[in-house]
Structure formats: C-alpha cells, structure tokens
C-alpha cells in the first residue's frame, strides 16, 4: 500500500508533501460526510478535484493562498487545470479505478430505496421459510 503520514498536519505542523498525493472516492456519501464521488490530486500548493458527476465542475485551488478552498481557480488557470486533470485520469487508469455511472431522471428517494430493501429482505425470508417446510 502506498501511503503518506498526515500526522504532522494533525499536530498543526507544516504539511507540504514532497510528492503528489492522490485520493479516489467512488461512492458518494453526501448525507454523512458531504463527499461526492470523485478524484483529487494535491501537488505542492495546488489541489485539483475531479467529480464523476458530469453536472459538477472540476475544481482547482491554490492552498497556499486559499487554505479553505473558497475560490475555484479552474476557469482562471485552464492550462494548470487541464494538466492536473490529465495526470489524475492517468493515475485512475494506473490503479484500475472504475468511475461510477450517474443516471439522471429516475432516482429514487431515500424512503423508497429503504422500503424496497426491506421488501426484498422480507421476500428472501419467505422463500427460505417455504423451502424449509
């Protein structure tokens, strides 16, 4: 496993990795952490975020000037954004990551999804009961 210790950052010490750091999150968790499915790359002071949802724009931040990531520089720095996007997509291929697919228009509400799961679980119990009799 390739890794990098974030302990200095947690201690409040300066944290400037000497090599690029990549993140990959294939499953969104908006209700828990606010995460969306995507990739991120930090290289020096720069952080690039690529979302898998086609309706969400790429983001580029200069962390030295904007540590709270309030100003997306992707439009102002198109060459840097394009270069970092190419690097992150090459890395995605290198690790054999699969981008999730987003289907628009037929999303089910959370309550419907939970109801369907309960129904499927109960149907499985009934089938097992029938087999045992």
C-alpha atoms as a PDB file:
ATOM      1  CA  UNK A   1       0.000   0.000   0.000  1.00  0.00           C
ATOM      2  CA  UNK A   2       1.302   3.404  -0.949  1.00  0.00           C
ATOM      3  CA  UNK A   3       0.701   5.904   1.798  1.00  0.00           C
ATOM      4  CA  UNK A   4       1.752   9.167   3.367  1.00  0.00           C
ATOM      5  CA  UNK A   5       1.530  10.134   7.034  1.00  0.00           C
ATOM      6  CA  UNK A   6      -0.787  13.029   7.818  1.00  0.00           C
ATOM      7  CA  UNK A   7       0.316  13.135  11.468  1.00  0.00           C
ATOM      8  CA  UNK A   8       2.256  16.413  11.034  1.00  0.00           C
ATOM      9  CA  UNK A   9      -0.874  18.110   9.660  1.00  0.00           C
ATOM     10  CA  UNK A  10      -2.956  16.780  12.568  1.00  0.00           C
ATOM     11  CA  UNK A  11      -0.404  18.181  15.008  1.00  0.00           C
ATOM     12  CA  UNK A  12      -0.744  21.588  13.369  1.00  0.00           C
ATOM     13  CA  UNK A  13       2.742  21.390  11.867  1.00  0.00           C
ATOM     14  CA  UNK A  14       3.548  22.420   8.312  1.00  0.00           C
ATOM     15  CA  UNK A  15       2.395  19.810   5.832  1.00  0.00           C
ATOM     16  CA  UNK A  16       3.814  20.004   2.358  1.00  0.00           C
ATOM     17  CA  UNK A  17       4.178  16.550   0.827  1.00  0.00           C
ATOM     18  CA  UNK A  18       7.294  16.093  -1.282  1.00  0.00           C
ATOM     19  CA  UNK A  19       5.358  14.133  -3.888  1.00  0.00           C
ATOM     20  CA  UNK A  20       1.867  14.276  -5.373  1.00  0.00           C
ATOM     21  CA  UNK A  21      -0.931  12.878  -3.212  1.00  0.00           C
ATOM     22  CA  UNK A  22      -3.981  11.295  -4.859  1.00  0.00           C
ATOM     23  CA  UNK A  23      -7.453  10.485  -3.478  1.00  0.00           C
ATOM     24  CA  UNK A  24     -10.159   8.328  -5.015  1.00  0.00           C
ATOM     25  CA  UNK A  25     -13.727   8.087  -3.741  1.00  0.00           C
ATOM     26  CA  UNK A  26     -16.098   6.035  -5.870  1.00  0.00           C
ATOM     27  CA  UNK A  27     -19.095   6.159  -3.537  1.00  0.00           C
ATOM     28  CA  UNK A  28     -20.733   9.436  -2.620  1.00  0.00           C
ATOM     29  CA  UNK A  29     -21.776   9.960   1.000  1.00  0.00           C
ATOM     30  CA  UNK A  30     -23.491  13.352   0.877  1.00  0.00           C
ATOM     31  CA  UNK A  31     -25.697  12.778   3.926  1.00  0.00           C
ATOM     32  CA  UNK A  32     -22.799  11.546   6.101  1.00  0.00           C
ATOM     33  CA  UNK A  33     -19.644  13.415   5.107  1.00  0.00           C
ATOM     34  CA  UNK A  34     -20.708  15.641   2.233  1.00  0.00           C
ATOM     35  CA  UNK A  35     -18.455  13.657  -0.091  1.00  0.00           C
ATOM     36  CA  UNK A  36     -19.246  13.224  -3.731  1.00  0.00           C
ATOM     37  CA  UNK A  37     -17.753  10.575  -5.973  1.00  0.00           C
ATOM     38  CA  UNK A  38     -14.518  11.842  -7.431  1.00  0.00           C
ATOM     39  CA  UNK A  39     -10.758  12.093  -7.522  1.00  0.00           C
ATOM     40  CA  UNK A  40      -8.375  14.629  -6.074  1.00  0.00           C
ATOM     41  CA  UNK A  41      -4.722  15.450  -6.595  1.00  0.00           C
ATOM     42  CA  UNK A  42      -2.526  17.607  -4.407  1.00  0.00           C
ATOM     43  CA  UNK A  43       0.782  18.624  -5.876  1.00  0.00           C
ATOM     44  CA  UNK A  44       2.694  21.213  -3.890  1.00  0.00           C
ATOM     45  CA  UNK A  45       0.405  24.142  -3.151  1.00  0.00           C
ATOM     46  CA  UNK A  46      -2.155  23.062  -5.753  1.00  0.00           C
ATOM     47  CA  UNK A  47      -5.191  20.818  -5.299  1.00  0.00           C
ATOM     48  CA  UNK A  48      -7.347  19.620  -8.181  1.00  0.00           C
ATOM     49  CA  UNK A  49     -10.704  17.875  -7.717  1.00  0.00           C
ATOM     50  CA  UNK A  50     -12.462  15.975 -10.488  1.00  0.00           C
ATOM     51  CA  UNK A  51     -16.036  14.907  -9.810  1.00  0.00           C
ATOM     52  CA  UNK A  52     -17.556  11.902 -11.551  1.00  0.00           C
ATOM     53  CA  UNK A  53     -20.971  13.531 -11.740  1.00  0.00           C
ATOM     54  CA  UNK A  54     -20.991  15.314 -15.125  1.00  0.00           C
ATOM     55  CA  UNK A  55     -23.086  18.115 -13.657  1.00  0.00           C
ATOM     56  CA  UNK A  56     -20.349  19.037 -11.181  1.00  0.00           C
ATOM     57  CA  UNK A  57     -17.431  21.162 -12.360  1.00  0.00           C
ATOM     58  CA  UNK A  58     -13.747  20.476 -11.788  1.00  0.00           C
ATOM     59  CA  UNK A  59     -12.153  22.488  -9.014  1.00  0.00           C
ATOM     60  CA  UNK A  60      -8.649  23.895  -8.666  1.00  0.00           C
ATOM     61  CA  UNK A  61      -7.284  25.591  -5.555  1.00  0.00           C
ATOM     62  CA  UNK A  62      -4.018  27.201  -4.542  1.00  0.00           C
ATOM     63  CA  UNK A  63      -3.810  26.034  -0.931  1.00  0.00           C
ATOM     64  CA  UNK A  64      -1.032  28.461  -0.014  1.00  0.00           C
ATOM     65  CA  UNK A  65      -3.217  31.440  -0.950  1.00  0.00           C
ATOM     66  CA  UNK A  66      -6.589  29.837  -0.164  1.00  0.00           C
ATOM     67  CA  UNK A  67      -6.265  27.118   2.523  1.00  0.00           C
ATOM     68  CA  UNK A  68     -10.055  26.914   2.990  1.00  0.00           C
ATOM     69  CA  UNK A  69     -10.681  26.243  -0.709  1.00  0.00           C
ATOM     70  CA  UNK A  70     -13.097  29.127  -1.205  1.00  0.00           C
ATOM     71  CA  UNK A  71     -12.056  30.229  -4.700  1.00  0.00           C
ATOM     72  CA  UNK A  72     -12.169  27.754  -7.579  1.00  0.00           C
ATOM     73  CA  UNK A  73      -9.374  28.726  -9.999  1.00  0.00           C
ATOM     74  CA  UNK A  74     -10.166  26.173 -12.732  1.00  0.00           C
ATOM     75  CA  UNK A  75     -11.518  28.866 -15.091  1.00  0.00           C
ATOM     76  CA  UNK A  76      -8.660  31.313 -14.374  1.00  0.00           C
ATOM     77  CA  UNK A  77      -5.954  28.639 -14.710  1.00  0.00           C
ATOM     78  CA  UNK A  78      -7.240  26.421 -17.550  1.00  0.00           C
ATOM     79  CA  UNK A  79      -3.816  25.072 -18.543  1.00  0.00           C
ATOM     80  CA  UNK A  80      -2.950  24.022 -14.997  1.00  0.00           C
ATOM     81  CA  UNK A  81      -6.434  22.505 -14.520  1.00  0.00           C
ATOM     82  CA  UNK A  82      -6.167  20.593 -17.801  1.00  0.00           C
ATOM     83  CA  UNK A  83      -2.693  19.277 -16.971  1.00  0.00           C
ATOM     84  CA  UNK A  84      -3.762  18.154 -13.495  1.00  0.00           C
ATOM     85  CA  UNK A  85      -6.904  16.535 -14.905  1.00  0.00           C
ATOM     86  CA  UNK A  86      -4.766  14.556 -17.365  1.00  0.00           C
ATOM     87  CA  UNK A  87      -2.484  13.416 -14.529  1.00  0.00           C
ATOM     88  CA  UNK A  88      -5.368  12.366 -12.317  1.00  0.00           C
ATOM     89  CA  UNK A  89      -7.060  10.442 -15.134  1.00  0.00           C
ATOM     90  CA  UNK A  90      -3.758   8.681 -15.938  1.00  0.00           C
ATOM     91  CA  UNK A  91      -3.465   7.724 -12.259  1.00  0.00           C
ATOM     92  CA  UNK A  92      -7.033   6.440 -12.295  1.00  0.00           C
ATOM     93  CA  UNK A  93      -6.145   4.168 -15.211  1.00  0.00           C
ATOM     94  CA  UNK A  94      -2.954   3.073 -13.442  1.00  0.00           C
ATOM     95  CA  UNK A  95      -4.870   1.871 -10.365  1.00  0.00           C
ATOM     96  CA  UNK A  96      -7.664   0.297 -12.462  1.00  0.00           C
ATOM     97  CA  UNK A  97     -10.302   2.508 -10.871  1.00  0.00           C
ATOM     98  CA  UNK A  98     -13.782   2.473 -12.361  1.00  0.00           C
ATOM     99  CA  UNK A  99     -15.796   5.667 -12.479  1.00  0.00           C
ATOM    100  CA  UNK A 100     -19.345   5.294 -11.182  1.00  0.00           C
ATOM    101  CA  UNK A 101     -22.179   5.896 -13.625  1.00  0.00           C
ATOM    102  CA  UNK A 102     -24.806   8.512 -12.866  1.00  0.00           C
ATOM    103  CA  UNK A 103     -28.338   8.078 -14.112  1.00  0.00           C
ATOM    104  CA  UNK A 104     -30.451  11.184 -14.152  1.00  0.00           C
ATOM    105  CA  UNK A 105     -34.211  11.310 -14.058  1.00  0.00           C
ATOM    106  CA  UNK A 106     -35.030   8.002 -12.388  1.00  0.00           C
ATOM    107  CA  UNK A 107     -33.508   8.492  -8.957  1.00  0.00           C
ATOM    108  CA  UNK A 108     -35.481   7.018  -6.104  1.00  0.00           C
ATOM    109  CA  UNK A 109     -35.989   8.873  -2.878  1.00  0.00           C
ATOM    110  CA  UNK A 110     -34.281   7.514   0.200  1.00  0.00           C
ATOM    111  CA  UNK A 111     -37.559   6.261   1.718  1.00  0.00           C
ATOM    112  CA  UNK A 112     -38.404   4.361  -1.466  1.00  0.00           C
ATOM    113  CA  UNK A 113     -34.953   2.776  -1.547  1.00  0.00           C
ATOM    114  CA  UNK A 114     -35.239   1.697   2.118  1.00  0.00           C
ATOM    115  CA  UNK A 115     -38.771   0.320   1.531  1.00  0.00           C
ATOM    116  CA  UNK A 116     -37.540  -1.695  -1.451  1.00  0.00           C
ATOM    117  CA  UNK A 117     -34.641  -3.125   0.559  1.00  0.00           C
ATOM    118  CA  UNK A 118     -36.998  -4.187   3.356  1.00  0.00           C
ATOM    119  CA  UNK A 119     -39.363  -5.780   0.826  1.00  0.00           C
ATOM    120  CA  UNK A 120     -36.510  -7.687  -0.825  1.00  0.00           C
ATOM    121  CA  UNK A 121     -35.182  -8.840   2.555  1.00  0.00           C
ATOM    122  CA  UNK A 122     -38.651  -9.995   3.645  1.00  0.00           C
ATOM    123  CA  UNK A 123     -39.225 -11.805   0.339  1.00  0.00           C
ATOM    124  CA  UNK A 124     -35.963 -13.672   0.858  1.00  0.00           C
ATOM    125  CA  UNK A 125     -37.089 -14.784   4.336  1.00  0.00           C
ATOM    126  CA  UNK A 126     -40.418 -16.034   2.951  1.00  0.00           C
ATOM    127  CA  UNK A 127     -38.640 -18.032   0.236  1.00  0.00           C
ATOM    128  CA  UNK A 128     -36.353 -19.592   2.844  1.00  0.00           C
ATOM    129  CA  UNK A 129     -39.342 -20.438   5.051  1.00  0.00           C
ATOM    130  CA  UNK A 130     -41.101 -22.146   2.123  1.00  0.00           C
ATOM    131  CA  UNK A 131     -38.033 -24.288   1.390  1.00  0.00           C
ATOM    132  CA  UNK A 132     -37.707 -25.443   4.988  1.00  0.00           C
ATOM    133  CA  UNK A 133     -41.311 -26.675   5.192  1.00  0.00           C
END
